[in-house]
């Protein structure tokens, strides 16, 4: 049986962009998660959404994994990028788009 840490490690390693969130990308169940989904969708980024509400081990495990106390959490190419406020700020000042470009993540440029 895999631990939540092993599962998270596998998800962030096998997927270029992973969002640990409350709810799903179709039905976010918290405003902060919804904001990050909206940003990723506006950029046309393909990402894996992981609903932490369906698995208490992952809900706590992701906080331990990143040493970050809140959800949502965005990972790009295995690296923890941040939560809602950080992602919003990076998007607004263009850092998120630069990061995606540097990491070879396809997104829509405007």
PDB file of N, CA and C in Angstrom:
ATOM      1  N   UNK A   1       0.837  -1.187   0.000  1.00  0.00           N
ATOM      2  CA  UNK A   1       0.000   0.000   0.000  1.00  0.00           C
ATOM      3  C   UNK A   1       0.884   1.253   0.000  1.00  0.00           C
ATOM      4  N   UNK A   2       0.581   2.199  -0.873  1.00  0.00           N
ATOM      5  CA  UNK A   2       1.374   3.418  -0.941  1.00  0.00           C
ATOM      6  C   UNK A   2       0.915   4.421   0.103  1.00  0.00           C
ATOM      7  N   UNK A   3       1.879   5.154   0.629  1.00  0.00           N
ATOM      8  CA  UNK A   3       1.548   6.205   1.585  1.00  0.00           C
ATOM      9  C   UNK A   3       1.098   7.447   0.814  1.00  0.00           C
ATOM     10  N   UNK A   4       0.498   8.372   1.515  1.00  0.00           N
ATOM     11  CA  UNK A   4       0.067   9.607   0.844  1.00  0.00           C
ATOM     12  C   UNK A   4       1.275  10.349   0.284  1.00  0.00           C
ATOM     13  N   UNK A   5       2.411  10.302   0.996  1.00  0.00           N
ATOM     14  CA  UNK A   5       3.624  10.970   0.523  1.00  0.00           C
ATOM     15  C   UNK A   5       4.096  10.360  -0.805  1.00  0.00           C
ATOM     16  N   UNK A   6       4.086   9.034  -0.887  1.00  0.00           N
ATOM     17  CA  UNK A   6       4.497   8.354  -2.123  1.00  0.00           C
ATOM     18  C   UNK A   6       3.530   8.676  -3.264  1.00  0.00           C
ATOM     19  N   UNK A   7       2.252   8.697  -2.959  1.00  0.00           N
ATOM     20  CA  UNK A   7       1.246   9.005  -3.982  1.00  0.00           C
ATOM     21  C   UNK A   7       1.439  10.426  -4.516  1.00  0.00           C
ATOM     22  N   UNK A   8       1.638  11.369  -3.601  1.00  0.00           N
ATOM     23  CA  UNK A   8       1.841  12.766  -3.998  1.00  0.00           C
ATOM     24  C   UNK A   8       3.113  12.881  -4.833  1.00  0.00           C
ATOM     25  N   UNK A   9       4.187  12.247  -4.390  1.00  0.00           N
ATOM     26  CA  UNK A   9       5.453  12.290  -5.127  1.00  0.00           C
ATOM     27  C   UNK A   9       5.262  11.770  -6.548  1.00  0.00           C
ATOM     28  N   UNK A  10       4.514  10.675  -6.677  1.00  0.00           N
ATOM     29  CA  UNK A  10       4.255  10.088  -7.986  1.00  0.00           C
ATOM     30  C   UNK A  10       3.427  11.037  -8.857  1.00  0.00           C
ATOM     31  N   UNK A  11       2.399  11.654  -8.278  1.00  0.00           N
ATOM     32  CA  UNK A  11       1.540  12.569  -9.048  1.00  0.00           C
ATOM     33  C   UNK A  11       2.314  13.784  -9.547  1.00  0.00           C
ATOM     34  N   UNK A  12       3.140  14.375  -8.677  1.00  0.00           N
ATOM     35  CA  UNK A  12       3.859  15.582  -9.099  1.00  0.00           C
ATOM     36  C   UNK A  12       5.027  15.258 -10.027  1.00  0.00           C
ATOM     37  N   UNK A  13       5.479  14.005 -10.009  1.00  0.00           N
ATOM     38  CA  UNK A  13       6.560  13.589 -10.899  1.00  0.00           C
ATOM     39  C   UNK A  13       6.034  13.232 -12.284  1.00  0.00           C
ATOM     40  N   UNK A  14       4.896  12.556 -12.341  1.00  0.00           N
ATOM     41  CA  UNK A  14       4.360  12.060 -13.616  1.00  0.00           C
ATOM     42  C   UNK A  14       3.544  13.090 -14.394  1.00  0.00           C
ATOM     43  N   UNK A  15       3.139  14.184 -13.742  1.00  0.00           N
ATOM     44  CA  UNK A  15       2.312  15.206 -14.386  1.00  0.00           C
ATOM     45  C   UNK A  15       3.043  16.545 -14.356  1.00  0.00           C
ATOM     46  N   UNK A  16       3.039  17.244 -15.483  1.00  0.00           N
ATOM     47  CA  UNK A  16       3.751  18.523 -15.557  1.00  0.00           C
ATOM     48  C   UNK A  16       3.163  19.570 -14.629  1.00  0.00           C
ATOM     49  N   UNK A  17       1.830  19.623 -14.549  1.00  0.00           N
ATOM     50  CA  UNK A  17       1.169  20.624 -13.709  1.00  0.00           C
ATOM     51  C   UNK A  17       0.108  19.912 -12.864  1.00  0.00           C
ATOM     52  N   UNK A  18       0.216  20.056 -11.544  1.00  0.00           N
ATOM     53  CA  UNK A  18      -0.731  19.417 -10.628  1.00  0.00           C
ATOM     54  C   UNK A  18      -1.255  20.475  -9.656  1.00  0.00           C
ATOM     55  N   UNK A  19      -2.581  20.477  -9.495  1.00  0.00           N
ATOM     56  CA  UNK A  19      -3.213  21.382  -8.536  1.00  0.00           C
ATOM     57  C   UNK A  19      -3.934  20.557  -7.481  1.00  0.00           C
ATOM     58  N   UNK A  20      -3.457  20.649  -6.245  1.00  0.00           N
ATOM     59  CA  UNK A  20      -4.154  20.040  -5.112  1.00  0.00           C
ATOM     60  C   UNK A  20      -5.144  21.084  -4.638  1.00  0.00           C
ATOM     61  N   UNK A  21      -6.424  20.717  -4.642  1.00  0.00           N
ATOM     62  CA  UNK A  21      -7.471  21.700  -4.421  1.00  0.00           C
ATOM     63  C   UNK A  21      -8.648  21.096  -3.690  1.00  0.00           C
ATOM     64  N   UNK A  22      -9.543  21.974  -3.247  1.00  0.00           N
ATOM     65  CA  UNK A  22     -10.802  21.530  -2.647  1.00  0.00           C
ATOM     66  C   UNK A  22     -11.827  21.505  -3.771  1.00  0.00           C
ATOM     67  N   UNK A  23     -12.323  20.309  -4.077  1.00  0.00           N
ATOM     68  CA  UNK A  23     -13.235  20.124  -5.195  1.00  0.00           C
ATOM     69  C   UNK A  23     -12.458  19.702  -6.439  1.00  0.00           C
ATOM     70  N   UNK A  24     -13.080  19.910  -7.585  1.00  0.00           N
ATOM     71  CA  UNK A  24     -12.452  19.543  -8.856  1.00  0.00           C
ATOM     72  C   UNK A  24     -12.375  20.792  -9.735  1.00  0.00           C
ATOM     73  N   UNK A  25     -11.656  20.685 -10.835  1.00  0.00           N
ATOM     74  CA  UNK A  25     -11.550  21.852 -11.720  1.00  0.00           C
ATOM     75  C   UNK A  25     -12.913  22.230 -12.292  1.00  0.00           C
ATOM     76  N   UNK A  26     -13.817  21.232 -12.445  1.00  0.00           N
ATOM     77  CA  UNK A  26     -15.171  21.523 -12.921  1.00  0.00           C
ATOM     78  C   UNK A  26     -16.042  22.137 -11.822  1.00  0.00           C
ATOM     79  N   UNK A  27     -15.840  21.667 -10.590  1.00  0.00           N
ATOM     80  CA  UNK A  27     -16.658  22.143  -9.466  1.00  0.00           C
ATOM     81  C   UNK A  27     -15.753  22.442  -8.259  1.00  0.00           C
ATOM     82  N   UNK A  28     -15.064  23.583  -8.303  1.00  0.00           N
ATOM     83  CA  UNK A  28     -14.235  23.944  -7.143  1.00  0.00           C
ATOM     84  C   UNK A  28     -15.128  24.159  -5.918  1.00  0.00           C
ATOM     85  N   UNK A  29     -14.648  23.731  -4.755  1.00  0.00           N
ATOM     86  CA  UNK A  29     -15.463  23.855  -3.554  1.00  0.00           C
ATOM     87  C   UNK A  29     -14.872  24.848  -2.562  1.00  0.00           C
ATOM     88  N   UNK A  30     -14.018  25.724  -3.058  1.00  0.00           N
ATOM     89  CA  UNK A  30     -13.551  26.841  -2.240  1.00  0.00           C
ATOM     90  C   UNK A  30     -13.122  27.946  -3.188  1.00  0.00           C
ATOM     91  N   UNK A  31     -13.288  29.176  -2.755  1.00  0.00           N
ATOM     92  CA  UNK A  31     -12.990  30.328  -3.598  1.00  0.00           C
ATOM     93  C   UNK A  31     -11.541  30.403  -4.036  1.00  0.00           C
ATOM     94  N   UNK A  32     -10.625  30.028  -3.144  1.00  0.00           N
ATOM     95  CA  UNK A  32      -9.201  30.091  -3.469  1.00  0.00           C
ATOM     96  C   UNK A  32      -8.848  29.082  -4.558  1.00  0.00           C
ATOM     97  N   UNK A  33      -9.407  27.876  -4.433  1.00  0.00           N
ATOM     98  CA  UNK A  33      -9.189  26.858  -5.464  1.00  0.00           C
ATOM     99  C   UNK A  33      -9.762  27.331  -6.795  1.00  0.00           C
ATOM    100  N   UNK A  34     -10.936  27.947  -6.746  1.00  0.00           N
ATOM    101  CA  UNK A  34     -11.595  28.427  -7.964  1.00  0.00           C
ATOM    102  C   UNK A  34     -10.742  29.473  -8.678  1.00  0.00           C
ATOM    103  N   UNK A  35     -10.083  30.349  -7.923  1.00  0.00           N
ATOM    104  CA  UNK A  35      -9.236  31.384  -8.519  1.00  0.00           C
ATOM    105  C   UNK A  35      -8.077  30.748  -9.292  1.00  0.00           C
ATOM    106  N   UNK A  36      -7.414  29.762  -8.693  1.00  0.00           N
ATOM    107  CA  UNK A  36      -6.271  29.136  -9.350  1.00  0.00           C
ATOM    108  C   UNK A  36      -6.732  28.375 -10.599  1.00  0.00           C
ATOM    109  N   UNK A  37      -7.863  27.683 -10.505  1.00  0.00           N
ATOM    110  CA  UNK A  37      -8.427  26.984 -11.671  1.00  0.00           C
ATOM    111  C   UNK A  37      -8.708  27.994 -12.783  1.00  0.00           C
ATOM    112  N   UNK A  38      -9.292  29.117 -12.432  1.00  0.00           N
ATOM    113  CA  UNK A  38      -9.623  30.151 -13.415  1.00  0.00           C
ATOM    114  C   UNK A  38      -8.356  30.661 -14.111  1.00  0.00           C
ATOM    115  N   UNK A  39      -7.293  30.875 -13.354  1.00  0.00           N
ATOM    116  CA  UNK A  39      -6.027  31.347 -13.930  1.00  0.00           C
ATOM    117  C   UNK A  39      -5.469  30.302 -14.890  1.00  0.00           C
ATOM    118  N   UNK A  40      -5.411  29.042 -14.445  1.00  0.00           N
ATOM    119  CA  UNK A  40      -4.867  27.978 -15.307  1.00  0.00           C
ATOM    120  C   UNK A  40      -5.714  27.814 -16.560  1.00  0.00           C
ATOM    121  N   UNK A  41      -7.033  27.855 -16.406  1.00  0.00           N
ATOM    122  CA  UNK A  41      -7.932  27.722 -17.560  1.00  0.00           C
ATOM    123  C   UNK A  41      -7.769  28.899 -18.529  1.00  0.00           C
ATOM    124  N   UNK A  42      -7.587  30.098 -17.989  1.00  0.00           N
ATOM    125  CA  UNK A  42      -7.436  31.274 -18.858  1.00  0.00           C
ATOM    126  C   UNK A  42      -6.156  31.179 -19.682  1.00  0.00           C
ATOM    127  N   UNK A  43      -5.168  30.471 -19.143  1.00  0.00           N
ATOM    128  CA  UNK A  43      -3.903  30.272 -19.864  1.00  0.00           C
ATOM    129  C   UNK A  43      -3.949  29.023 -20.743  1.00  0.00           C
ATOM    130  N   UNK A  44      -5.040  28.249 -20.633  1.00  0.00           N
ATOM    131  CA  UNK A  44      -5.166  27.034 -21.437  1.00  0.00           C
ATOM    132  C   UNK A  44      -4.209  25.933 -21.015  1.00  0.00           C
ATOM    133  N   UNK A  45      -3.790  25.948 -19.754  1.00  0.00           N
ATOM    134  CA  UNK A  45      -2.842  24.960 -19.246  1.00  0.00           C
ATOM    135  C   UNK A  45      -3.574  23.664 -18.895  1.00  0.00           C
ATOM    136  N   UNK A  46      -3.040  22.554 -19.372  1.00  0.00           N
ATOM    137  CA  UNK A  46      -3.574  21.241 -18.999  1.00  0.00           C
ATOM    138  C   UNK A  46      -2.975  20.869 -17.648  1.00  0.00           C
ATOM    139  N   UNK A  47      -3.833  20.462 -16.705  1.00  0.00           N
ATOM    140  CA  UNK A  47      -3.327  20.116 -15.376  1.00  0.00           C
ATOM    141  C   UNK A  47      -4.144  18.997 -14.756  1.00  0.00           C
ATOM    142  N   UNK A  48      -3.504  18.286 -13.835  1.00  0.00           N
ATOM    143  CA  UNK A  48      -4.179  17.270 -13.038  1.00  0.00           C
ATOM    144  C   UNK A  48      -4.736  17.968 -11.804  1.00  0.00           C
ATOM    145  N   UNK A  49      -6.038  17.803 -11.560  1.00  0.00           N
ATOM    146  CA  UNK A  49      -6.619  18.338 -10.336  1.00  0.00           C
ATOM    147  C   UNK A  49      -6.816  17.184  -9.356  1.00  0.00           C
ATOM    148  N   UNK A  50      -6.391  17.393  -8.122  1.00  0.00           N
ATOM    149  CA  UNK A  50      -6.528  16.381  -7.075  1.00  0.00           C
ATOM    150  C   UNK A  50      -7.414  16.973  -5.983  1.00  0.00           C
ATOM    151  N   UNK A  51      -8.587  16.359  -5.787  1.00  0.00           N
ATOM    152  CA  UNK A  51      -9.548  16.818  -4.797  1.00  0.00           C
ATOM    153  C   UNK A  51      -9.153  16.293  -3.418  1.00  0.00           C
ATOM    154  N   UNK A  52      -8.645  17.173  -2.569  1.00  0.00           N
ATOM    155  CA  UNK A  52      -8.187  16.741  -1.243  1.00  0.00           C
ATOM    156  C   UNK A  52      -9.351  16.434  -0.304  1.00  0.00           C
ATOM    157  N   UNK A  53     -10.558  16.834  -0.671  1.00  0.00           N
ATOM    158  CA  UNK A  53     -11.711  16.591   0.205  1.00  0.00           C
ATOM    159  C   UNK A  53     -12.137  15.128   0.221  1.00  0.00           C
ATOM    160  N   UNK A  54     -11.756  14.356  -0.799  1.00  0.00           N
ATOM    161  CA  UNK A  54     -12.175  12.950  -0.852  1.00  0.00           C
ATOM    162  C   UNK A  54     -11.218  12.022  -0.115  1.00  0.00           C
ATOM    163  N   UNK A  55     -10.050  12.523   0.285  1.00  0.00           N
ATOM    164  CA  UNK A  55      -9.063  11.679   0.959  1.00  0.00           C
ATOM    165  C   UNK A  55      -8.354  12.467   2.061  1.00  0.00           C
ATOM    166  N   UNK A  56      -8.757  12.251   3.324  1.00  0.00           N
ATOM    167  CA  UNK A  56      -8.150  12.990   4.436  1.00  0.00           C
ATOM    168  C   UNK A  56      -6.633  12.803   4.531  1.00  0.00           C
ATOM    169  N   UNK A  57      -6.137  11.629   4.121  1.00  0.00           N
ATOM    170  CA  UNK A  57      -4.685  11.397   4.167  1.00  0.00           C
ATOM    171  C   UNK A  57      -3.956  12.319   3.199  1.00  0.00           C
ATOM    172  N   UNK A  58      -4.517  12.486   2.006  1.00  0.00           N
ATOM    173  CA  UNK A  58      -3.896  13.388   1.024  1.00  0.00           C
ATOM    174  C   UNK A  58      -4.070  14.835   1.471  1.00  0.00           C
ATOM    175  N   UNK A  59      -5.218  15.142   2.057  1.00  0.00           N
ATOM    176  CA  UNK A  59      -5.469  16.517   2.530  1.00  0.00           C
ATOM    177  C   UNK A  59      -4.404  16.944   3.530  1.00  0.00           C
ATOM    178  N   UNK A  60      -4.067  16.072   4.470  1.00  0.00           N
ATOM    179  CA  UNK A  60      -3.010  16.397   5.428  1.00  0.00           C
ATOM    180  C   UNK A  60      -1.637  16.141   4.812  1.00  0.00           C
ATOM    181  N   UNK A  61      -1.542  15.095   4.004  1.00  0.00           N
ATOM    182  CA  UNK A  61      -0.271  14.699   3.411  1.00  0.00           C
ATOM    183  C   UNK A  61       0.345  15.773   2.535  1.00  0.00           C
ATOM    184  N   UNK A  62      -0.492  16.494   1.781  1.00  0.00           N
ATOM    185  CA  UNK A  62       0.039  17.530   0.889  1.00  0.00           C
ATOM    186  C   UNK A  62       0.609  18.689   1.693  1.00  0.00           C
ATOM    187  N   UNK A  63       0.013  18.972   2.842  1.00  0.00           N
ATOM    188  CA  UNK A  63       0.531  20.034   3.711  1.00  0.00           C
ATOM    189  C   UNK A  63       1.895  19.641   4.281  1.00  0.00           C
ATOM    190  N   UNK A  64       2.026  18.373   4.662  1.00  0.00           N
ATOM    191  CA  UNK A  64       3.300  17.879   5.178  1.00  0.00           C
ATOM    192  C   UNK A  64       4.347  17.822   4.066  1.00  0.00           C
ATOM    193  N   UNK A  65       3.904  17.389   2.874  1.00  0.00           N
ATOM    194  CA  UNK A  65       4.788  17.212   1.725  1.00  0.00           C
ATOM    195  C   UNK A  65       5.477  18.534   1.355  1.00  0.00           C
ATOM    196  N   UNK A  66       4.708  19.611   1.368  1.00  0.00           N
ATOM    197  CA  UNK A  66       5.223  20.910   0.926  1.00  0.00           C
ATOM    198  C   UNK A  66       5.657  21.805   2.084  1.00  0.00           C
ATOM    199  N   UNK A  67       5.336  21.409   3.312  1.00  0.00           N
ATOM    200  CA  UNK A  67       5.521  22.281   4.480  1.00  0.00           C
ATOM    201  C   UNK A  67       4.780  23.600   4.275  1.00  0.00           C
ATOM    202  N   UNK A  68       3.602  23.499   3.656  1.00  0.00           N
ATOM    203  CA  UNK A  68       2.761  24.673   3.381  1.00  0.00           C
ATOM    204  C   UNK A  68       1.388  24.376   3.980  1.00  0.00           C
ATOM    205  N   UNK A  69       0.835  25.281   4.798  1.00  0.00           N
ATOM    206  CA  UNK A  69      -0.352  24.939   5.579  1.00  0.00           C
ATOM    207  C   UNK A  69      -1.700  25.012   4.859  1.00  0.00           C
ATOM    208  N   UNK A  70      -1.735  25.589   3.662  1.00  0.00           N
ATOM    209  CA  UNK A  70      -3.034  25.822   3.039  1.00  0.00           C
ATOM    210  C   UNK A  70      -3.182  25.128   1.696  1.00  0.00           C
ATOM    211  N   UNK A  71      -4.430  25.042   1.265  1.00  0.00           N
ATOM    212  CA  UNK A  71      -4.804  24.467  -0.016  1.00  0.00           C
ATOM    213  C   UNK A  71      -5.612  25.548  -0.719  1.00  0.00           C
ATOM    214  N   UNK A  72      -5.447  25.789  -2.008  1.00  0.00           N
ATOM    215  CA  UNK A  72      -4.790  24.957  -3.016  1.00  0.00           C
ATOM    216  C   UNK A  72      -3.263  25.080  -3.012  1.00  0.00           C
ATOM    217  N   UNK A  73      -2.649  24.089  -3.678  1.00  0.00           N
ATOM    218  CA  UNK A  73      -1.210  24.078  -3.887  1.00  0.00           C
ATOM    219  C   UNK A  73      -0.938  23.688  -5.333  1.00  0.00           C
ATOM    220  N   UNK A  74      -0.105  24.483  -6.003  1.00  0.00           N
ATOM    221  CA  UNK A  74       0.229  24.232  -7.404  1.00  0.00           C
ATOM    222  C   UNK A  74       1.660  23.737  -7.526  1.00  0.00           C
ATOM    223  N   UNK A  75       1.815  22.665  -8.303  1.00  0.00           N
ATOM    224  CA  UNK A  75       3.130  22.090  -8.596  1.00  0.00           C
ATOM    225  C   UNK A  75       3.359  22.140 -10.097  1.00  0.00           C
ATOM    226  N   UNK A  76       4.561  22.538 -10.490  1.00  0.00           N
ATOM    227  CA  UNK A  76       4.954  22.540 -11.899  1.00  0.00           C
ATOM    228  C   UNK A  76       6.253  21.766 -12.014  1.00  0.00           C
ATOM    229  N   UNK A  77       6.219  20.700 -12.828  1.00  0.00           N
ATOM    230  CA  UNK A  77       7.398  19.835 -13.037  1.00  0.00           C
ATOM    231  C   UNK A  77       7.993  19.381 -11.697  1.00  0.00           C
ATOM    232  N   UNK A  78       7.103  18.999 -10.775  1.00  0.00           N
ATOM    233  CA  UNK A  78       7.542  18.455  -9.496  1.00  0.00           C
ATOM    234  C   UNK A  78       7.903  19.479  -8.442  1.00  0.00           C
ATOM    235  N   UNK A  79       7.865  20.761  -8.794  1.00  0.00           N
ATOM    236  CA  UNK A  79       8.261  21.799  -7.857  1.00  0.00           C
ATOM    237  C   UNK A  79       7.033  22.528  -7.316  1.00  0.00           C
ATOM    238  N   UNK A  80       6.994  22.706  -6.002  1.00  0.00           N
ATOM    239  CA  UNK A  80       5.900  23.451  -5.373  1.00  0.00           C
ATOM    240  C   UNK A  80       6.048  24.931  -5.718  1.00  0.00           C
ATOM    241  N   UNK A  81       4.990  25.501  -6.299  1.00  0.00           N
ATOM    242  CA  UNK A  81       5.033  26.900  -6.719  1.00  0.00           C
ATOM    243  C   UNK A  81       4.384  27.811  -5.684  1.00  0.00           C
ATOM    244  N   UNK A  82       3.215  27.412  -5.178  1.00  0.00           N
ATOM    245  CA  UNK A  82       2.574  28.229  -4.161  1.00  0.00           C
ATOM    246  C   UNK A  82       1.085  27.996  -4.097  1.00  0.00           C
ATOM    247  N   UNK A  83       0.444  28.830  -3.274  1.00  0.00           N
ATOM    248  CA  UNK A  83      -1.001  28.784  -3.104  1.00  0.00           C
ATOM    249  C   UNK A  83      -1.662  29.894  -3.895  1.00  0.00           C
ATOM    250  N   UNK A  84      -2.886  30.170  -3.572  1.00  0.00           N
ATOM    251  CA  UNK A  84      -3.719  31.101  -4.342  1.00  0.00           C
ATOM    252  C   UNK A  84      -3.099  32.493  -4.476  1.00  0.00           C
ATOM    253  N   UNK A  85      -2.713  33.116  -3.372  1.00  0.00           N
ATOM    254  CA  UNK A  85      -2.202  34.487  -3.428  1.00  0.00           C
ATOM    255  C   UNK A  85      -0.922  34.568  -4.263  1.00  0.00           C
ATOM    256  N   UNK A  86      -0.037  33.605  -4.089  1.00  0.00           N
ATOM    257  CA  UNK A  86       1.221  33.584  -4.843  1.00  0.00           C
ATOM    258  C   UNK A  86       0.947  33.393  -6.325  1.00  0.00           C
ATOM    259  N   UNK A  87       0.067  32.446  -6.664  1.00  0.00           N
ATOM    260  CA  UNK A  87      -0.248  32.170  -8.068  1.00  0.00           C
ATOM    261  C   UNK A  87      -0.911  33.393  -8.709  1.00  0.00           C
ATOM    262  N   UNK A  88      -1.842  34.016  -7.991  1.00  0.00           N
ATOM    263  CA  UNK A  88      -2.514  35.215  -8.517  1.00  0.00           C
ATOM    264  C   UNK A  88      -1.494  36.319  -8.802  1.00  0.00           C
ATOM    265  N   UNK A  89      -0.598  36.549  -7.851  1.00  0.00           N
ATOM    266  CA  UNK A  89       0.419  37.587  -8.023  1.00  0.00           C
ATOM    267  C   UNK A  89       1.354  37.258  -9.189  1.00  0.00           C
ATOM    268  N   UNK A  90       1.787  35.999  -9.269  1.00  0.00           N
ATOM    269  CA  UNK A  90       2.678  35.582 -10.364  1.00  0.00           C
ATOM    270  C   UNK A  90       1.989  35.744 -11.721  1.00  0.00           C
ATOM    271  N   UNK A  91       0.704  35.432 -11.772  1.00  0.00           N
ATOM    272  CA  UNK A  91      -0.057  35.566 -13.012  1.00  0.00           C
ATOM    273  C   UNK A  91      -0.161  37.040 -13.414  1.00  0.00           C
ATOM    274  N   UNK A  92      -0.475  37.889 -12.443  1.00  0.00           N
ATOM    275  CA  UNK A  92      -0.676  39.310 -12.734  1.00  0.00           C
ATOM    276  C   UNK A  92       0.608  39.997 -13.190  1.00  0.00           C
ATOM    277  N   UNK A  93       1.758  39.567 -12.646  1.00  0.00           N
ATOM    278  CA  UNK A  93       2.999  40.235 -13.045  1.00  0.00           C
ATOM    279  C   UNK A  93       3.762  39.464 -14.133  1.00  0.00           C
ATOM    280  N   UNK A  94       3.171  38.383 -14.639  1.00  0.00           N
ATOM    281  CA  UNK A  94       3.764  37.655 -15.762  1.00  0.00           C
ATOM    282  C   UNK A  94       4.748  36.565 -15.382  1.00  0.00           C
ATOM    283  N   UNK A  95       5.057  36.429 -14.086  1.00  0.00           N
ATOM    284  CA  UNK A  95       6.024  35.410 -13.647  1.00  0.00           C
ATOM    285  C   UNK A  95       5.531  33.992 -13.917  1.00  0.00           C
ATOM    286  N   UNK A  96       4.217  33.773 -13.784  1.00  0.00           N
ATOM    287  CA  UNK A  96       3.669  32.434 -13.993  1.00  0.00           C
ATOM    288  C   UNK A  96       3.843  32.029 -15.459  1.00  0.00           C
ATOM    289  N   UNK A  97       3.537  32.956 -16.368  1.00  0.00           N
ATOM    290  CA  UNK A  97       3.690  32.678 -17.785  1.00  0.00           C
ATOM    291  C   UNK A  97       5.164  32.414 -18.119  1.00  0.00           C
ATOM    292  N   UNK A  98       6.078  33.189 -17.522  1.00  0.00           N
ATOM    293  CA  UNK A  98       7.516  32.988 -17.726  1.00  0.00           C
ATOM    294  C   UNK A  98       7.927  31.600 -17.224  1.00  0.00           C
ATOM    295  N   UNK A  99       7.421  31.223 -16.052  1.00  0.00           N
ATOM    296  CA  UNK A  99       7.726  29.905 -15.496  1.00  0.00           C
ATOM    297  C   UNK A  99       7.260  28.798 -16.438  1.00  0.00           C
ATOM    298  N   UNK A 100       6.018  28.914 -16.927  1.00  0.00           N
ATOM    299  CA  UNK A 100       5.499  27.899 -17.854  1.00  0.00           C
ATOM    300  C   UNK A 100       6.355  27.826 -19.107  1.00  0.00           C
ATOM    301  N   UNK A 101       6.752  28.978 -19.625  1.00  0.00           N
ATOM    302  CA  UNK A 101       7.585  29.020 -20.834  1.00  0.00           C
ATOM    303  C   UNK A 101       8.924  28.317 -20.577  1.00  0.00           C
ATOM    304  N   UNK A 102       9.560  28.664 -19.450  1.00  0.00           N
ATOM    305  CA  UNK A 102      10.867  28.084 -19.098  1.00  0.00           C
ATOM    306  C   UNK A 102      10.780  26.577 -18.892  1.00  0.00           C
ATOM    307  N   UNK A 103       9.639  26.106 -18.376  1.00  0.00           N
ATOM    308  CA  UNK A 103       9.469  24.679 -18.088  1.00  0.00           C
ATOM    309  C   UNK A 103       8.907  23.905 -19.280  1.00  0.00           C
ATOM    310  N   UNK A 104       8.632  24.592 -20.371  1.00  0.00           N
ATOM    311  CA  UNK A 104       8.107  23.924 -21.560  1.00  0.00           C
ATOM    312  C   UNK A 104       6.642  23.529 -21.442  1.00  0.00           C
ATOM    313  N   UNK A 105       5.891  24.244 -20.594  1.00  0.00           N
ATOM    314  CA  UNK A 105       4.469  23.974 -20.420  1.00  0.00           C
ATOM    315  C   UNK A 105       3.708  24.792 -21.457  1.00  0.00           C
ATOM    316  N   UNK A 106       2.847  24.120 -22.218  1.00  0.00           N
ATOM    317  CA  UNK A 106       2.060  24.828 -23.250  1.00  0.00           C
ATOM    318  C   UNK A 106       0.990  25.680 -22.579  1.00  0.00           C
ATOM    319  N   UNK A 107       0.889  26.934 -23.039  1.00  0.00           N
ATOM    320  CA  UNK A 107      -0.164  27.820 -22.556  1.00  0.00           C
ATOM    321  C   UNK A 107      -0.480  28.824 -23.641  1.00  0.00           C
ATOM    322  N   UNK A 108      -1.607  29.503 -23.472  1.00  0.00           N
ATOM    323  CA  UNK A 108      -2.073  30.483 -24.454  1.00  0.00           C
ATOM    324  C   UNK A 108      -1.456  31.836 -24.118  1.00  0.00           C
ATOM    325  N   UNK A 109      -0.794  32.430 -25.101  1.00  0.00           N
ATOM    326  CA  UNK A 109      -0.267  33.778 -24.884  1.00  0.00           C
ATOM    327  C   UNK A 109      -1.233  34.774 -25.514  1.00  0.00           C
ATOM    328  N   UNK A 110      -1.386  35.883 -24.857  1.00  0.00           N
ATOM    329  CA  UNK A 110      -2.337  36.898 -25.346  1.00  0.00           C
ATOM    330  C   UNK A 110      -1.598  38.104 -25.851  1.00  0.00           C
TER     331      UNK A 110
END
